[in-house]
């Protein structure tokens, strides 16, 4: 699929078969412990209708430094033409994290999305799950509540 883009650094896939293309920072910023910041990427895209972009954290940044994307996944709608910005959060309690221009800060995953037709009804059909949610199946493999 072709995606039109305006960017100083075009997102790239690090390995064949990767789902996410790396987004890099267009600005230098220091994230203090517990601090969040909106970080620009300089990337503007035109997704085809029927597609969306998800902005997701990079696992290495999260695991090694506690840097995550606050609203993950961030949604880039097909009609959006502004700069993709990433709200990063430093979850480390003790250490600040320096982000330099060109540092990989998140990934962009492009997916097809069907358009839903919402049909008002008075009752929904039954299902095995029913109204169970928010941990209703338990937390251990045998379904025991913890």
Protein backbone atom coordinates (compact mmCIF):
# COMPACT_ATOMS: atom_id res chain seq x y z
CA UNK A 1 0.00 0.00 0.00
CA UNK A 2 1.28 3.46 -0.82
CA UNK A 3 1.15 6.14 1.88
CA UNK A 4 1.87 9.73 0.89
CA UNK A 5 4.25 11.36 3.36
CA UNK A 6 5.98 14.62 4.19
CA UNK A 7 8.82 13.96 6.64
CA UNK A 8 12.44 14.86 7.34
CA UNK A 9 12.90 11.19 8.34
CA UNK A 10 10.60 8.68 6.66
CA UNK A 11 9.54 5.87 9.04
CA UNK A 12 11.38 2.63 8.28
CA UNK A 13 10.82 -1.00 9.19
CA UNK A 14 13.88 -2.28 11.06
CA UNK A 15 13.46 -5.89 9.89
CA UNK A 16 11.58 -7.74 7.15
CA UNK A 17 8.17 -8.75 8.47
CA UNK A 18 8.03 -6.05 11.18
CA UNK A 19 4.52 -4.69 11.78
CA UNK A 20 5.66 -1.26 13.00
CA UNK A 21 7.79 1.34 11.26
CA UNK A 22 9.98 3.43 13.55
CA UNK A 23 9.02 7.03 14.22
CA UNK A 24 11.89 9.30 15.27
CA UNK A 25 11.96 12.47 17.32
CA UNK A 26 12.16 15.78 15.48
CA UNK A 27 13.22 17.54 18.68
CA UNK A 28 15.58 17.10 21.61
CA UNK A 29 13.90 16.75 24.98
CA UNK A 30 14.73 15.57 28.47
CA UNK A 31 12.05 13.57 30.26
CA UNK A 32 12.43 13.77 34.02
CA UNK A 33 11.13 10.90 36.19
CA UNK A 34 7.33 10.82 35.98
CA UNK A 35 7.25 13.55 33.31
CA UNK A 36 5.27 13.33 30.08
CA UNK A 37 5.76 15.39 26.94
CA UNK A 38 4.27 15.74 23.50
CA UNK A 39 7.13 15.02 21.09
CA UNK A 40 7.01 15.93 17.40
CA UNK A 41 8.12 13.53 14.69
CA UNK A 42 7.92 15.89 11.71
CA UNK A 43 5.85 13.20 9.94
CA UNK A 44 2.64 14.05 8.10
CA UNK A 45 0.85 11.34 6.15
CA UNK A 46 -2.20 10.74 3.99
CA UNK A 47 -3.55 7.29 4.76
CA UNK A 48 -5.93 5.73 2.26
CA UNK A 49 -9.59 5.69 3.26
CA UNK A 50 -10.42 2.57 5.23
CA UNK A 51 -7.06 2.57 7.06
CA UNK A 52 -5.70 3.92 10.33
CA UNK A 53 -2.32 4.32 11.93
CA UNK A 54 -1.61 3.14 15.46
CA UNK A 55 1.26 4.83 17.31
CA UNK A 56 2.63 2.33 19.81
CA UNK A 57 5.57 2.18 22.25
CA UNK A 58 8.93 0.68 21.38
CA UNK A 59 9.45 -2.36 23.59
CA UNK A 60 13.15 -1.66 24.17
CA UNK A 61 12.50 1.87 25.42
CA UNK A 62 9.78 0.62 27.73
CA UNK A 63 11.79 -2.29 29.12
CA UNK A 64 15.20 -0.66 29.43
CA UNK A 65 14.25 2.94 30.28
CA UNK A 66 10.57 3.01 31.30
CA UNK A 67 9.60 5.22 28.34
CA UNK A 68 6.10 4.53 27.04
CA UNK A 69 3.35 6.11 24.95
CA UNK A 70 0.66 7.44 27.28
CA UNK A 71 -2.38 6.95 25.05
CA UNK A 72 -1.17 3.77 23.36
CA UNK A 73 -2.21 3.04 20.84
CA UNK A 74 -2.51 6.57 19.58
CA UNK A 75 -4.85 6.70 16.61
CA UNK A 76 -4.04 8.45 13.33
CA UNK A 77 -7.23 8.70 11.27
CA UNK A 78 -7.16 8.55 7.48
CA UNK A 79 -8.41 12.15 7.25
CA UNK A 80 -5.73 13.62 9.57
CA UNK A 81 -3.06 15.66 7.79
CA UNK A 82 -1.22 17.24 10.72
CA UNK A 83 2.09 16.23 12.24
CA UNK A 84 2.15 12.92 14.09
CA UNK A 85 3.15 13.70 17.66
CA UNK A 86 3.78 11.18 20.40
CA UNK A 87 2.89 11.67 24.07
CA UNK A 88 5.78 10.02 25.89
CA UNK A 89 5.92 9.25 29.61
CA UNK A 90 8.99 8.45 31.68
CA UNK A 91 7.81 5.85 34.19
CA UNK A 92 11.25 5.50 35.79
CA UNK A 93 11.13 6.82 39.36
CA UNK A 94 14.80 7.76 39.56
CA UNK A 95 16.33 8.53 36.18
CA UNK A 96 15.68 11.17 33.54
CA UNK A 97 15.84 10.15 29.88
CA UNK A 98 17.40 12.21 27.09
CA UNK A 99 15.80 12.08 23.66
CA UNK A 100 17.81 13.45 20.78
CA UNK A 101 16.75 14.50 17.31
CA UNK A 102 16.55 11.35 15.20
CA UNK A 103 16.11 8.97 18.15
CA UNK A 104 13.52 6.24 17.62
CA UNK A 105 10.64 6.99 20.01
CA UNK A 106 7.63 4.96 18.83
CA UNK A 107 6.31 2.78 16.04
CA UNK A 108 3.61 3.38 13.47
CA UNK A 109 1.41 0.43 12.50
CA UNK A 110 -0.92 0.90 9.52
CA UNK A 111 -4.04 -1.28 9.46
CA UNK A 112 -7.21 -1.63 7.41
CA UNK A 113 -10.40 -0.89 9.33
CA UNK A 114 -13.90 -1.73 8.21
CA UNK A 115 -16.57 0.91 8.61
CA UNK A 116 -19.18 -0.17 11.16
CA UNK A 117 -22.90 0.27 10.60
CA UNK A 118 -24.43 0.80 14.03
CA UNK A 119 -27.95 -0.63 14.08
CA UNK A 120 -30.12 0.36 17.07
CA UNK A 121 -31.97 -2.59 18.64
CA UNK A 122 -33.89 -3.19 21.87
CA UNK A 123 -31.96 -6.34 22.79
CA UNK A 124 -28.61 -7.91 21.93
CA UNK A 125 -28.21 -11.60 21.08
CA UNK A 126 -26.85 -13.85 23.85
CA UNK A 127 -23.21 -14.92 23.88
CA UNK A 128 -21.07 -17.27 25.96
CA UNK A 129 -19.31 -14.31 27.61
CA UNK A 130 -22.41 -12.23 28.20
CA UNK A 131 -21.76 -9.10 30.26
CA UNK A 132 -18.61 -10.44 31.93
CA UNK A 133 -15.64 -8.08 31.75
CA UNK A 134 -12.96 -6.33 33.78
CA UNK A 135 -11.28 -9.50 35.02
CA UNK A 136 -14.39 -11.67 35.12
CA UNK A 137 -12.44 -14.66 33.76
CA UNK A 138 -9.87 -14.49 36.57
CA UNK A 139 -6.17 -13.80 36.55
CA UNK A 140 -4.67 -17.24 36.76
CA UNK A 141 -4.78 -19.91 34.09
CA UNK A 142 -7.35 -21.92 36.04
CA UNK A 143 -9.64 -18.87 36.26
CA UNK A 144 -9.15 -18.32 39.99
CA UNK A 145 -9.63 -14.72 41.12
CA UNK A 146 -6.49 -13.27 42.68
